């Protein structure tokens, strides 16, 4: 597992750094796939299964690196796999199911296309978006779990105060919630987060 320094970085800066590092490795895997020329569809079908298995394990490694920022012992590979097998109300899917769907779509598109390179590029684009989104989901889940482990009961919602902030995020900014009743993020790419809150 790569060692990426987490000191002096906020939650999302660290996630961005990990995601960027691993995205480089993912892009190299896709380039290697594009360089291969398959004479038969059967050969491609066999290869794509192994290819997506490699992608899954690379994601696990990346997300474990993110989770360990919050809980070195408790947030291991098994913990990450549990997160990836849980339905997410923002993306509206489970990571593991969506990965299978993307693999099937990639396979069908390449077999049906006159331009497989374009279909590989599309598959990379869709996979990269999911990979980045789940970096934030794993970080948020790990952060909340670490606060629960420390006995925190209340959290404050914090939003980024700029012109990209949506109305829902603006309305929630500064609101206090019980840690077990934190509202779902209102949209994909939401930059809000929560922190422990104690009465003054």
N, C-alpha and C. Protein backbone atom coordinates (compact mmCIF):
# COMPACT_ATOMS: atom_id res chain seq x y z
N UNK A 1 0.84 -1.18 0.00
CA UNK A 1 0.00 0.00 0.00
C UNK A 1 0.89 1.25 0.00
N UNK A 2 0.53 2.22 -0.79
CA UNK A 2 1.31 3.45 -0.90
C UNK A 2 1.22 4.26 0.39
N UNK A 3 2.29 4.91 0.74
CA UNK A 3 2.30 5.78 1.91
C UNK A 3 2.11 7.22 1.47
N UNK A 4 0.96 7.78 1.83
CA UNK A 4 0.66 9.18 1.48
C UNK A 4 0.50 9.93 2.79
N UNK A 5 1.30 10.95 3.00
CA UNK A 5 1.27 11.68 4.26
C UNK A 5 -0.07 12.38 4.44
N UNK A 6 -0.67 12.16 5.63
CA UNK A 6 -1.98 12.74 5.90
C UNK A 6 -1.91 13.93 6.85
N UNK A 7 -0.73 14.17 7.44
CA UNK A 7 -0.63 15.30 8.37
C UNK A 7 -0.74 16.62 7.59
N UNK A 8 -1.36 17.59 8.22
CA UNK A 8 -1.51 18.94 7.65
C UNK A 8 -2.42 18.98 6.42
N UNK A 9 -3.25 17.96 6.22
CA UNK A 9 -4.23 17.98 5.14
C UNK A 9 -5.61 17.82 5.74
N UNK A 10 -6.59 18.60 5.25
CA UNK A 10 -7.94 18.37 5.74
C UNK A 10 -8.50 17.12 5.07
N UNK A 11 -9.70 16.71 5.51
CA UNK A 11 -10.29 15.45 5.07
C UNK A 11 -10.31 15.31 3.55
N UNK A 12 -10.83 16.31 2.85
CA UNK A 12 -11.00 16.17 1.41
C UNK A 12 -9.70 16.39 0.64
N UNK A 13 -8.78 17.16 1.19
CA UNK A 13 -7.47 17.30 0.54
C UNK A 13 -6.76 15.94 0.55
N UNK A 14 -6.86 15.25 1.68
CA UNK A 14 -6.23 13.93 1.77
C UNK A 14 -6.89 12.95 0.81
N UNK A 15 -8.23 12.94 0.77
CA UNK A 15 -8.96 12.07 -0.16
C UNK A 15 -8.53 12.37 -1.60
N UNK A 16 -8.46 13.65 -1.95
CA UNK A 16 -8.06 14.04 -3.31
C UNK A 16 -6.67 13.52 -3.65
N UNK A 17 -5.77 13.60 -2.68
CA UNK A 17 -4.39 13.15 -2.92
C UNK A 17 -4.34 11.64 -3.15
N UNK A 18 -5.07 10.89 -2.32
CA UNK A 18 -5.11 9.43 -2.47
C UNK A 18 -5.76 9.05 -3.80
N UNK A 19 -6.90 9.67 -4.09
CA UNK A 19 -7.63 9.38 -5.33
C UNK A 19 -6.76 9.68 -6.55
N UNK A 20 -6.08 10.81 -6.54
CA UNK A 20 -5.21 11.19 -7.67
C UNK A 20 -4.10 10.17 -7.87
N UNK A 21 -3.49 9.74 -6.76
CA UNK A 21 -2.41 8.76 -6.85
C UNK A 21 -2.92 7.45 -7.47
N UNK A 22 -4.03 6.94 -6.94
CA UNK A 22 -4.55 5.66 -7.42
C UNK A 22 -5.18 5.78 -8.80
N UNK A 23 -5.71 6.94 -9.13
CA UNK A 23 -6.26 7.15 -10.47
C UNK A 23 -5.17 6.99 -11.53
N UNK A 24 -3.95 7.41 -11.20
CA UNK A 24 -2.83 7.21 -12.11
C UNK A 24 -2.61 5.73 -12.39
N UNK A 25 -2.74 4.91 -11.36
CA UNK A 25 -2.57 3.46 -11.53
C UNK A 25 -3.73 2.87 -12.33
N UNK A 26 -4.93 3.38 -12.09
CA UNK A 26 -6.11 2.90 -12.82
C UNK A 26 -5.99 3.25 -14.31
N UNK A 27 -5.55 4.46 -14.60
CA UNK A 27 -5.37 4.89 -16.00
C UNK A 27 -4.35 3.99 -16.69
N UNK A 28 -3.27 3.63 -15.98
CA UNK A 28 -2.27 2.74 -16.58
C UNK A 28 -2.87 1.36 -16.90
N UNK A 29 -3.76 0.88 -16.03
CA UNK A 29 -4.43 -0.41 -16.30
C UNK A 29 -5.29 -0.32 -17.56
N UNK A 30 -6.01 0.80 -17.70
CA UNK A 30 -6.84 0.98 -18.89
C UNK A 30 -5.98 1.12 -20.16
N UNK A 31 -4.84 1.79 -20.05
CA UNK A 31 -3.94 1.90 -21.22
C UNK A 31 -3.42 0.53 -21.64
N UNK A 32 -3.10 -0.28 -20.65
CA UNK A 32 -2.62 -1.64 -20.94
C UNK A 32 -3.73 -2.44 -21.63
N UNK A 33 -4.98 -2.26 -21.16
CA UNK A 33 -6.12 -2.93 -21.79
C UNK A 33 -6.29 -2.48 -23.24
N UNK A 34 -6.19 -1.17 -23.48
CA UNK A 34 -6.34 -0.64 -24.84
C UNK A 34 -5.24 -1.16 -25.78
N UNK A 35 -4.07 -1.39 -25.24
CA UNK A 35 -2.95 -1.85 -26.08
C UNK A 35 -3.11 -3.31 -26.51
N UNK A 36 -3.94 -4.04 -25.77
CA UNK A 36 -4.14 -5.45 -26.13
C UNK A 36 -5.10 -5.55 -27.31
N UNK A 37 -4.82 -6.45 -28.20
CA UNK A 37 -5.70 -6.70 -29.35
C UNK A 37 -6.22 -8.12 -29.25
N UNK A 38 -7.51 -8.25 -29.10
CA UNK A 38 -8.13 -9.57 -28.93
C UNK A 38 -8.67 -10.07 -30.27
N UNK A 39 -8.29 -11.28 -30.63
CA UNK A 39 -8.75 -11.85 -31.90
C UNK A 39 -10.17 -12.40 -31.78
N UNK A 40 -10.51 -12.86 -30.57
CA UNK A 40 -11.84 -13.44 -30.35
C UNK A 40 -12.52 -12.75 -29.17
N UNK A 41 -13.84 -12.61 -29.26
CA UNK A 41 -14.60 -12.02 -28.15
C UNK A 41 -14.42 -12.81 -26.86
N UNK A 42 -14.31 -14.13 -27.01
CA UNK A 42 -14.14 -15.00 -25.84
C UNK A 42 -12.89 -14.61 -25.04
N UNK A 43 -11.82 -14.30 -25.74
CA UNK A 43 -10.57 -13.90 -25.06
C UNK A 43 -10.76 -12.60 -24.28
N UNK A 44 -11.49 -11.67 -24.89
CA UNK A 44 -11.76 -10.39 -24.22
C UNK A 44 -12.64 -10.60 -22.99
N UNK A 45 -13.64 -11.47 -23.09
CA UNK A 45 -14.54 -11.75 -21.96
C UNK A 45 -13.75 -12.30 -20.78
N UNK A 46 -12.84 -13.23 -21.05
CA UNK A 46 -12.01 -13.81 -19.98
C UNK A 46 -11.11 -12.74 -19.37
N UNK A 47 -10.51 -11.92 -20.21
CA UNK A 47 -9.59 -10.88 -19.74
C UNK A 47 -10.32 -9.84 -18.90
N UNK A 48 -11.52 -9.44 -19.32
CA UNK A 48 -12.23 -8.34 -18.65
C UNK A 48 -12.63 -8.72 -17.22
N UNK A 49 -12.91 -10.01 -16.99
CA UNK A 49 -13.22 -10.46 -15.62
C UNK A 49 -12.03 -10.20 -14.69
N UNK A 50 -10.84 -10.61 -15.13
CA UNK A 50 -9.63 -10.39 -14.33
C UNK A 50 -9.33 -8.90 -14.19
N UNK A 51 -9.57 -8.17 -15.27
CA UNK A 51 -9.30 -6.72 -15.28
C UNK A 51 -10.14 -6.01 -14.21
N UNK A 52 -11.43 -6.32 -14.14
CA UNK A 52 -12.29 -5.66 -13.16
C UNK A 52 -12.03 -6.15 -11.74
N UNK A 53 -11.55 -7.38 -11.62
CA UNK A 53 -11.14 -7.86 -10.29
C UNK A 53 -9.93 -7.07 -9.81
N UNK A 54 -8.97 -6.82 -10.72
CA UNK A 54 -7.80 -5.99 -10.38
C UNK A 54 -8.24 -4.58 -9.98
N UNK A 55 -9.21 -4.02 -10.72
CA UNK A 55 -9.71 -2.68 -10.39
C UNK A 55 -10.32 -2.66 -8.99
N UNK A 56 -11.10 -3.70 -8.68
CA UNK A 56 -11.76 -3.76 -7.36
C UNK A 56 -10.72 -3.77 -6.24
N UNK A 57 -9.69 -4.59 -6.39
CA UNK A 57 -8.67 -4.68 -5.33
C UNK A 57 -7.85 -3.39 -5.23
N UNK A 58 -7.67 -2.72 -6.33
CA UNK A 58 -6.98 -1.42 -6.30
C UNK A 58 -7.84 -0.39 -5.54
N UNK A 59 -9.15 -0.43 -5.78
CA UNK A 59 -10.07 0.45 -5.05
C UNK A 59 -10.03 0.15 -3.56
N UNK A 60 -10.05 -1.14 -3.21
CA UNK A 60 -9.98 -1.51 -1.79
C UNK A 60 -8.73 -0.94 -1.14
N UNK A 61 -7.62 -1.05 -1.82
CA UNK A 61 -6.35 -0.53 -1.29
C UNK A 61 -6.42 0.98 -1.08
N UNK A 62 -6.97 1.69 -2.07
CA UNK A 62 -7.09 3.15 -1.98
C UNK A 62 -8.02 3.54 -0.84
N UNK A 63 -9.18 2.90 -0.76
CA UNK A 63 -10.17 3.27 0.25
C UNK A 63 -9.71 2.89 1.66
N UNK A 64 -8.95 1.80 1.77
CA UNK A 64 -8.40 1.44 3.07
C UNK A 64 -7.42 2.52 3.54
N UNK A 65 -6.63 3.04 2.60
CA UNK A 65 -5.70 4.12 2.92
C UNK A 65 -6.45 5.35 3.44
N UNK A 66 -7.59 5.66 2.82
CA UNK A 66 -8.42 6.79 3.26
C UNK A 66 -9.01 6.52 4.63
N UNK A 67 -9.58 5.32 4.83
CA UNK A 67 -10.25 4.99 6.09
C UNK A 67 -9.29 4.98 7.27
N UNK A 68 -8.06 4.52 7.03
CA UNK A 68 -7.09 4.41 8.14
C UNK A 68 -6.68 5.76 8.70
N UNK A 69 -6.97 6.82 7.99
CA UNK A 69 -6.72 8.16 8.53
C UNK A 69 -7.57 8.39 9.78
N UNK A 70 -8.69 7.67 9.88
CA UNK A 70 -9.63 7.88 10.99
C UNK A 70 -9.55 6.79 12.05
N UNK A 71 -9.21 5.57 11.67
CA UNK A 71 -9.15 4.48 12.64
C UNK A 71 -8.18 3.42 12.19
N UNK A 72 -6.95 3.51 12.65
CA UNK A 72 -5.86 2.65 12.18
C UNK A 72 -6.19 1.17 12.32
N UNK A 73 -6.81 0.78 13.45
CA UNK A 73 -7.05 -0.65 13.69
C UNK A 73 -8.42 -1.09 13.20
N UNK A 74 -9.44 -0.32 13.49
CA UNK A 74 -10.81 -0.78 13.22
C UNK A 74 -11.22 -0.65 11.76
N UNK A 75 -10.63 0.27 11.02
CA UNK A 75 -11.08 0.52 9.66
C UNK A 75 -10.12 -0.12 8.65
N UNK A 76 -10.23 -1.44 8.60
CA UNK A 76 -9.36 -2.22 7.73
C UNK A 76 -10.10 -2.59 6.44
N UNK A 77 -9.52 -3.53 5.70
CA UNK A 77 -10.10 -3.94 4.41
C UNK A 77 -11.52 -4.48 4.57
N UNK A 78 -11.77 -5.25 5.64
CA UNK A 78 -13.11 -5.79 5.87
C UNK A 78 -14.11 -4.67 6.11
N UNK A 79 -13.69 -3.66 6.86
CA UNK A 79 -14.57 -2.52 7.12
C UNK A 79 -14.89 -1.80 5.80
N UNK A 80 -13.89 -1.60 4.97
CA UNK A 80 -14.10 -0.93 3.68
C UNK A 80 -15.05 -1.76 2.81
N UNK A 81 -14.84 -3.08 2.77
CA UNK A 81 -15.72 -3.93 1.96
C UNK A 81 -17.17 -3.82 2.41
N UNK A 82 -17.37 -3.70 3.72
CA UNK A 82 -18.74 -3.54 4.24
C UNK A 82 -19.36 -2.24 3.72
N UNK A 83 -18.57 -1.17 3.70
CA UNK A 83 -19.06 0.12 3.16
C UNK A 83 -19.41 -0.04 1.67
N UNK A 84 -18.56 -0.72 0.92
CA UNK A 84 -18.78 -0.88 -0.52
C UNK A 84 -19.96 -1.79 -0.84
N UNK A 85 -20.39 -2.58 0.15
CA UNK A 85 -21.53 -3.48 -0.06
C UNK A 85 -22.81 -2.93 0.56
N UNK A 86 -22.76 -1.67 0.97
CA UNK A 86 -23.92 -1.01 1.56
C UNK A 86 -24.53 -0.05 0.54
N UNK A 87 -25.85 -0.07 0.43
CA UNK A 87 -26.55 0.84 -0.48
C UNK A 87 -26.30 2.28 -0.06
N UNK A 88 -25.95 3.12 -1.02
CA UNK A 88 -25.71 4.54 -0.73
C UNK A 88 -26.90 5.36 -1.25
N UNK A 89 -27.57 6.13 -0.38
CA UNK A 89 -28.75 6.88 -0.81
C UNK A 89 -28.45 8.08 -1.71
N UNK A 90 -27.18 8.47 -1.83
CA UNK A 90 -26.83 9.58 -2.72
C UNK A 90 -26.56 9.06 -4.13
N UNK A 91 -25.73 8.03 -4.26
CA UNK A 91 -25.45 7.47 -5.58
C UNK A 91 -26.60 6.59 -6.08
N UNK A 92 -27.40 6.09 -5.13
CA UNK A 92 -28.53 5.19 -5.42
C UNK A 92 -28.08 3.81 -5.88
N UNK A 93 -26.90 3.39 -5.41
CA UNK A 93 -26.46 2.02 -5.70
C UNK A 93 -25.43 1.57 -4.68
N UNK A 94 -25.09 0.28 -4.73
CA UNK A 94 -23.98 -0.28 -3.98
C UNK A 94 -22.77 -0.30 -4.90
N UNK A 95 -21.61 -0.02 -4.36
CA UNK A 95 -20.40 0.01 -5.18
C UNK A 95 -20.18 -1.32 -5.90
N UNK A 96 -20.27 -2.43 -5.15
CA UNK A 96 -19.97 -3.73 -5.76
C UNK A 96 -20.94 -4.07 -6.89
N UNK A 97 -22.22 -3.73 -6.71
CA UNK A 97 -23.20 -3.98 -7.78
C UNK A 97 -22.94 -3.09 -8.99
N UNK A 98 -22.64 -1.83 -8.72
CA UNK A 98 -22.40 -0.90 -9.82
C UNK A 98 -21.13 -1.27 -10.59
N UNK A 99 -20.13 -1.78 -9.90
CA UNK A 99 -18.91 -2.23 -10.58
C UNK A 99 -19.23 -3.36 -11.56
N UNK A 100 -20.06 -4.30 -11.13
CA UNK A 100 -20.48 -5.39 -12.02
C UNK A 100 -21.26 -4.86 -13.22
N UNK A 101 -22.14 -3.88 -12.96
CA UNK A 101 -22.92 -3.30 -14.05
C UNK A 101 -22.01 -2.59 -15.05
N UNK A 102 -21.03 -1.87 -14.53
CA UNK A 102 -20.09 -1.16 -15.41
C UNK A 102 -19.25 -2.15 -16.23
N UNK A 103 -18.87 -3.25 -15.60
CA UNK A 103 -18.12 -4.28 -16.33
C UNK A 103 -18.96 -4.83 -17.48
N UNK A 104 -20.21 -5.16 -17.22
CA UNK A 104 -21.09 -5.68 -18.26
C UNK A 104 -21.31 -4.69 -19.38
N UNK A 105 -21.50 -3.43 -19.02
CA UNK A 105 -21.70 -2.39 -20.04
C UNK A 105 -20.44 -2.20 -20.89
N UNK A 106 -19.28 -2.21 -20.23
CA UNK A 106 -17.99 -2.09 -20.92
C UNK A 106 -17.83 -3.24 -21.92
N UNK A 107 -18.10 -4.44 -21.46
CA UNK A 107 -17.98 -5.63 -22.29
C UNK A 107 -18.89 -5.54 -23.52
N UNK A 108 -20.15 -5.23 -23.28
CA UNK A 108 -21.12 -5.13 -24.39
C UNK A 108 -20.72 -4.05 -25.39
N UNK A 109 -20.30 -2.90 -24.85
CA UNK A 109 -19.97 -1.76 -25.72
C UNK A 109 -18.78 -2.08 -26.62
N UNK A 110 -17.76 -2.72 -26.07
CA UNK A 110 -16.57 -3.04 -26.86
C UNK A 110 -16.90 -4.08 -27.94
N UNK A 111 -17.66 -5.10 -27.58
CA UNK A 111 -18.00 -6.15 -28.54
C UNK A 111 -18.86 -5.59 -29.68
N UNK A 112 -19.76 -4.66 -29.35
CA UNK A 112 -20.68 -4.11 -30.36
C UNK A 112 -20.09 -2.96 -31.17
N UNK A 113 -18.95 -2.45 -30.76
CA UNK A 113 -18.43 -1.21 -31.36
C UNK A 113 -17.41 -1.47 -32.47
N UNK A 114 -17.37 -0.51 -33.41
CA UNK A 114 -16.30 -0.51 -34.43
C UNK A 114 -15.06 0.23 -33.91
N UNK A 115 -15.23 0.88 -32.75
CA UNK A 115 -14.14 1.67 -32.17
C UNK A 115 -13.96 1.30 -30.70
N UNK A 116 -13.33 0.15 -30.42
CA UNK A 116 -13.18 -0.29 -29.03
C UNK A 116 -12.40 0.69 -28.15
N UNK A 117 -11.43 1.40 -28.73
CA UNK A 117 -10.66 2.36 -27.93
C UNK A 117 -11.56 3.43 -27.31
N UNK A 118 -12.53 3.89 -28.09
CA UNK A 118 -13.47 4.89 -27.59
C UNK A 118 -14.29 4.31 -26.43
N UNK A 119 -14.68 3.05 -26.54
CA UNK A 119 -15.47 2.41 -25.48
C UNK A 119 -14.64 2.20 -24.22
N UNK A 120 -13.35 1.90 -24.39
CA UNK A 120 -12.46 1.79 -23.23
C UNK A 120 -12.34 3.15 -22.53
N UNK A 121 -12.22 4.22 -23.33
CA UNK A 121 -12.13 5.57 -22.76
C UNK A 121 -13.40 5.94 -22.00
N UNK A 122 -14.56 5.58 -22.57
CA UNK A 122 -15.83 5.84 -21.88
C UNK A 122 -15.91 5.08 -20.56
N UNK A 123 -15.48 3.81 -20.60
CA UNK A 123 -15.51 2.99 -19.39
C UNK A 123 -14.61 3.60 -18.31
N UNK A 124 -13.44 4.10 -18.71
CA UNK A 124 -12.53 4.75 -17.77
C UNK A 124 -13.19 5.99 -17.16
N UNK A 125 -13.84 6.78 -17.99
CA UNK A 125 -14.48 8.01 -17.50
C UNK A 125 -15.55 7.68 -16.45
N UNK A 126 -16.42 6.72 -16.75
CA UNK A 126 -17.51 6.37 -15.82
C UNK A 126 -16.96 5.73 -14.55
N UNK A 127 -15.94 4.88 -14.71
CA UNK A 127 -15.34 4.25 -13.54
C UNK A 127 -14.65 5.30 -12.66
N UNK A 128 -13.94 6.23 -13.28
CA UNK A 128 -13.22 7.27 -12.52
C UNK A 128 -14.17 8.12 -11.70
N UNK A 129 -15.32 8.46 -12.27
CA UNK A 129 -16.31 9.26 -11.53
C UNK A 129 -16.78 8.51 -10.29
N UNK A 130 -17.06 7.23 -10.45
CA UNK A 130 -17.50 6.42 -9.30
C UNK A 130 -16.38 6.30 -8.27
N UNK A 131 -15.17 6.06 -8.74
CA UNK A 131 -14.03 5.91 -7.85
C UNK A 131 -13.82 7.17 -7.00
N UNK A 132 -13.91 8.34 -7.64
CA UNK A 132 -13.75 9.61 -6.90
C UNK A 132 -14.88 9.80 -5.89
N UNK A 133 -16.12 9.55 -6.31
CA UNK A 133 -17.27 9.73 -5.41
C UNK A 133 -17.15 8.84 -4.19
N UNK A 134 -16.74 7.60 -4.39
CA UNK A 134 -16.63 6.68 -3.25
C UNK A 134 -15.44 6.99 -2.36
N UNK A 135 -14.47 7.71 -2.85
CA UNK A 135 -13.41 8.20 -1.97
C UNK A 135 -14.01 9.10 -0.89
N UNK A 136 -14.92 9.99 -1.30
CA UNK A 136 -15.60 10.88 -0.34
C UNK A 136 -16.53 10.09 0.57
N UNK A 137 -17.25 9.11 0.01
CA UNK A 137 -18.19 8.31 0.82
C UNK A 137 -17.45 7.54 1.90
N UNK A 138 -16.34 6.92 1.54
CA UNK A 138 -15.54 6.17 2.53
C UNK A 138 -15.01 7.13 3.60
N UNK A 139 -14.52 8.30 3.18
CA UNK A 139 -13.99 9.28 4.15
C UNK A 139 -15.09 9.74 5.10
N UNK A 140 -16.26 10.09 4.56
CA UNK A 140 -17.37 10.54 5.40
C UNK A 140 -17.80 9.46 6.39
N UNK A 141 -17.93 8.23 5.89
CA UNK A 141 -18.36 7.12 6.74
C UNK A 141 -17.34 6.84 7.83
N UNK A 142 -16.06 6.87 7.47
CA UNK A 142 -14.99 6.63 8.44
C UNK A 142 -14.93 7.75 9.49
N UNK A 143 -15.10 8.98 9.04
CA UNK A 143 -15.06 10.13 9.95
C UNK A 143 -16.20 10.05 10.98
N UNK A 144 -17.40 9.73 10.50
CA UNK A 144 -18.55 9.62 11.41
C UNK A 144 -18.36 8.44 12.36
N UNK A 145 -17.86 7.31 11.85
CA UNK A 145 -17.62 6.15 12.71
C UNK A 145 -16.59 6.47 13.78
N UNK A 146 -15.54 7.22 13.42
CA UNK A 146 -14.51 7.55 14.42
C UNK A 146 -15.08 8.45 15.51
N UNK A 147 -15.99 9.36 15.14
CA UNK A 147 -16.63 10.21 16.16
C UNK A 147 -17.53 9.38 17.07
N UNK A 148 -18.25 8.41 16.51
CA UNK A 148 -19.08 7.51 17.33
C UNK A 148 -18.20 6.71 18.29
N UNK A 149 -17.07 6.21 17.77
CA UNK A 149 -16.14 5.43 18.60
C UNK A 149 -15.60 6.25 19.76
N UNK A 150 -15.49 7.57 19.57
CA UNK A 150 -15.00 8.45 20.62
C UNK A 150 -16.12 8.92 21.55
N UNK A 151 -17.34 8.44 21.32
CA UNK A 151 -18.46 8.77 22.20
C UNK A 151 -19.18 10.07 21.89
N UNK A 152 -18.90 10.65 20.73
CA UNK A 152 -19.59 11.90 20.36
C UNK A 152 -21.06 11.61 20.11
N UNK A 153 -21.92 12.55 20.52
CA UNK A 153 -23.36 12.34 20.36
C UNK A 153 -24.00 13.33 19.39
N UNK A 154 -23.39 14.50 19.23
CA UNK A 154 -23.96 15.54 18.37
C UNK A 154 -22.89 16.02 17.38
N UNK A 155 -23.36 16.43 16.20
CA UNK A 155 -22.45 16.96 15.19
C UNK A 155 -23.02 18.25 14.61
N UNK A 156 -22.13 19.06 14.06
CA UNK A 156 -22.55 20.29 13.38
C UNK A 156 -22.26 20.12 11.88
N UNK A 157 -23.22 20.51 11.08
CA UNK A 157 -23.09 20.44 9.61
C UNK A 157 -22.31 21.66 9.14
N UNK A 158 -21.32 21.45 8.31
CA UNK A 158 -20.49 22.55 7.79
C UNK A 158 -20.51 22.50 6.27
N UNK A 159 -20.81 23.63 5.65
CA UNK A 159 -20.78 23.67 4.18
C UNK A 159 -19.74 24.69 3.72
N UNK A 160 -19.29 24.51 2.49
CA UNK A 160 -18.32 25.43 1.90
C UNK A 160 -19.09 26.68 1.48
N UNK A 161 -18.66 27.82 1.99
CA UNK A 161 -19.39 29.07 1.75
C UNK A 161 -18.89 29.75 0.47
N UNK A 162 -19.44 29.29 -0.67
CA UNK A 162 -19.10 29.93 -1.94
C UNK A 162 -20.31 29.86 -2.87
N UNK A 163 -20.18 30.36 -4.08
CA UNK A 163 -21.34 30.44 -4.98
C UNK A 163 -21.70 29.09 -5.61
N UNK A 164 -20.94 28.03 -5.33
CA UNK A 164 -21.28 26.70 -5.83
C UNK A 164 -22.17 25.94 -4.84
N UNK A 165 -22.34 26.49 -3.67
CA UNK A 165 -23.11 25.82 -2.62
C UNK A 165 -24.59 25.82 -2.99
N UNK A 166 -25.24 24.63 -2.87
CA UNK A 166 -26.66 24.54 -3.20
C UNK A 166 -27.51 25.07 -2.03
N UNK A 167 -28.79 25.26 -2.30
CA UNK A 167 -29.70 25.83 -1.29
C UNK A 167 -29.80 24.93 -0.05
N UNK A 168 -29.90 23.61 -0.27
CA UNK A 168 -30.01 22.68 0.86
C UNK A 168 -28.77 22.75 1.75
N UNK A 169 -27.59 22.75 1.13
CA UNK A 169 -26.34 22.82 1.90
C UNK A 169 -26.27 24.14 2.68
N UNK A 170 -26.70 25.22 2.06
CA UNK A 170 -26.70 26.53 2.72
C UNK A 170 -27.63 26.52 3.93
N UNK A 171 -28.81 25.92 3.77
CA UNK A 171 -29.78 25.86 4.87
C UNK A 171 -29.28 25.00 6.03
N UNK A 172 -28.52 23.97 5.73
CA UNK A 172 -28.03 23.07 6.78
C UNK A 172 -26.78 23.60 7.47
N UNK A 173 -26.10 24.55 6.88
CA UNK A 173 -24.84 25.05 7.44
C UNK A 173 -25.03 25.52 8.87
N UNK A 174 -24.24 24.95 9.81
CA UNK A 174 -24.29 25.34 11.21
C UNK A 174 -25.35 24.63 12.02
N UNK A 175 -26.19 23.82 11.39
CA UNK A 175 -27.24 23.10 12.14
C UNK A 175 -26.63 21.94 12.91
N UNK A 176 -27.24 21.65 14.07
CA UNK A 176 -26.76 20.59 14.95
C UNK A 176 -27.67 19.37 14.77
N UNK A 177 -27.05 18.19 14.66
CA UNK A 177 -27.81 16.95 14.50
C UNK A 177 -27.28 15.88 15.46
N UNK A 178 -28.18 14.99 15.94
CA UNK A 178 -27.69 13.81 16.67
C UNK A 178 -26.85 12.97 15.70
N UNK A 179 -25.80 12.37 16.20
CA UNK A 179 -24.87 11.66 15.32
C UNK A 179 -25.53 10.49 14.58
N UNK A 180 -26.61 9.95 15.15
CA UNK A 180 -27.31 8.85 14.48
C UNK A 180 -28.42 9.32 13.55
N UNK A 181 -28.59 10.64 13.43
CA UNK A 181 -29.65 11.18 12.57
C UNK A 181 -29.11 12.27 11.63
N UNK A 182 -27.89 12.09 11.17
CA UNK A 182 -27.30 13.04 10.22
C UNK A 182 -28.03 12.88 8.89
N UNK A 183 -28.53 13.97 8.30
CA UNK A 183 -29.22 13.82 7.02
C UNK A 183 -28.28 13.35 5.91
N UNK A 184 -28.87 12.68 4.95
CA UNK A 184 -28.12 12.25 3.77
C UNK A 184 -27.64 13.48 3.01
N UNK A 185 -26.46 13.40 2.43
CA UNK A 185 -25.99 14.50 1.58
C UNK A 185 -26.99 14.71 0.45
N UNK A 186 -27.25 15.96 0.07
CA UNK A 186 -28.33 16.21 -0.89
C UNK A 186 -28.01 15.87 -2.34
N UNK A 187 -26.74 15.67 -2.67
CA UNK A 187 -26.40 15.42 -4.08
C UNK A 187 -25.00 14.85 -4.21
N UNK A 188 -24.72 14.24 -5.35
CA UNK A 188 -23.37 13.75 -5.65
C UNK A 188 -22.42 14.95 -5.75
N UNK A 189 -21.22 14.78 -5.22
CA UNK A 189 -20.23 15.86 -5.26
C UNK A 189 -20.41 16.88 -4.15
N UNK A 190 -21.30 16.60 -3.19
CA UNK A 190 -21.51 17.52 -2.07
C UNK A 190 -20.21 17.67 -1.28
N UNK A 191 -19.84 18.90 -0.98
CA UNK A 191 -18.57 19.18 -0.29
C UNK A 191 -18.77 19.45 1.20
N UNK A 192 -19.98 19.23 1.70
CA UNK A 192 -20.25 19.44 3.13
C UNK A 192 -19.65 18.32 3.97
N UNK A 193 -19.46 18.61 5.25
CA UNK A 193 -18.99 17.59 6.18
C UNK A 193 -19.55 17.91 7.55
N UNK A 194 -19.35 17.01 8.51
CA UNK A 194 -19.80 17.26 9.89
C UNK A 194 -18.62 17.15 10.83
N UNK A 195 -18.74 17.87 11.91
CA UNK A 195 -17.73 17.80 12.98
C UNK A 195 -18.43 17.62 14.31
N UNK A 196 -17.71 17.07 15.28
CA UNK A 196 -18.27 16.87 16.62
C UNK A 196 -18.67 18.23 17.20
N UNK A 197 -19.80 18.26 17.91
CA UNK A 197 -20.30 19.50 18.53
C UNK A 197 -20.53 19.25 20.00
N UNK A 198 -20.05 20.18 20.82
CA UNK A 198 -20.28 20.11 22.25
C UNK A 198 -20.88 21.42 22.70
N UNK A 199 -21.81 21.34 23.68
CA UNK A 199 -22.40 22.56 24.22
C UNK A 199 -21.32 23.41 24.85
N UNK A 200 -21.42 24.73 24.58
CA UNK A 200 -20.43 25.65 25.14
C UNK A 200 -20.72 25.87 26.63
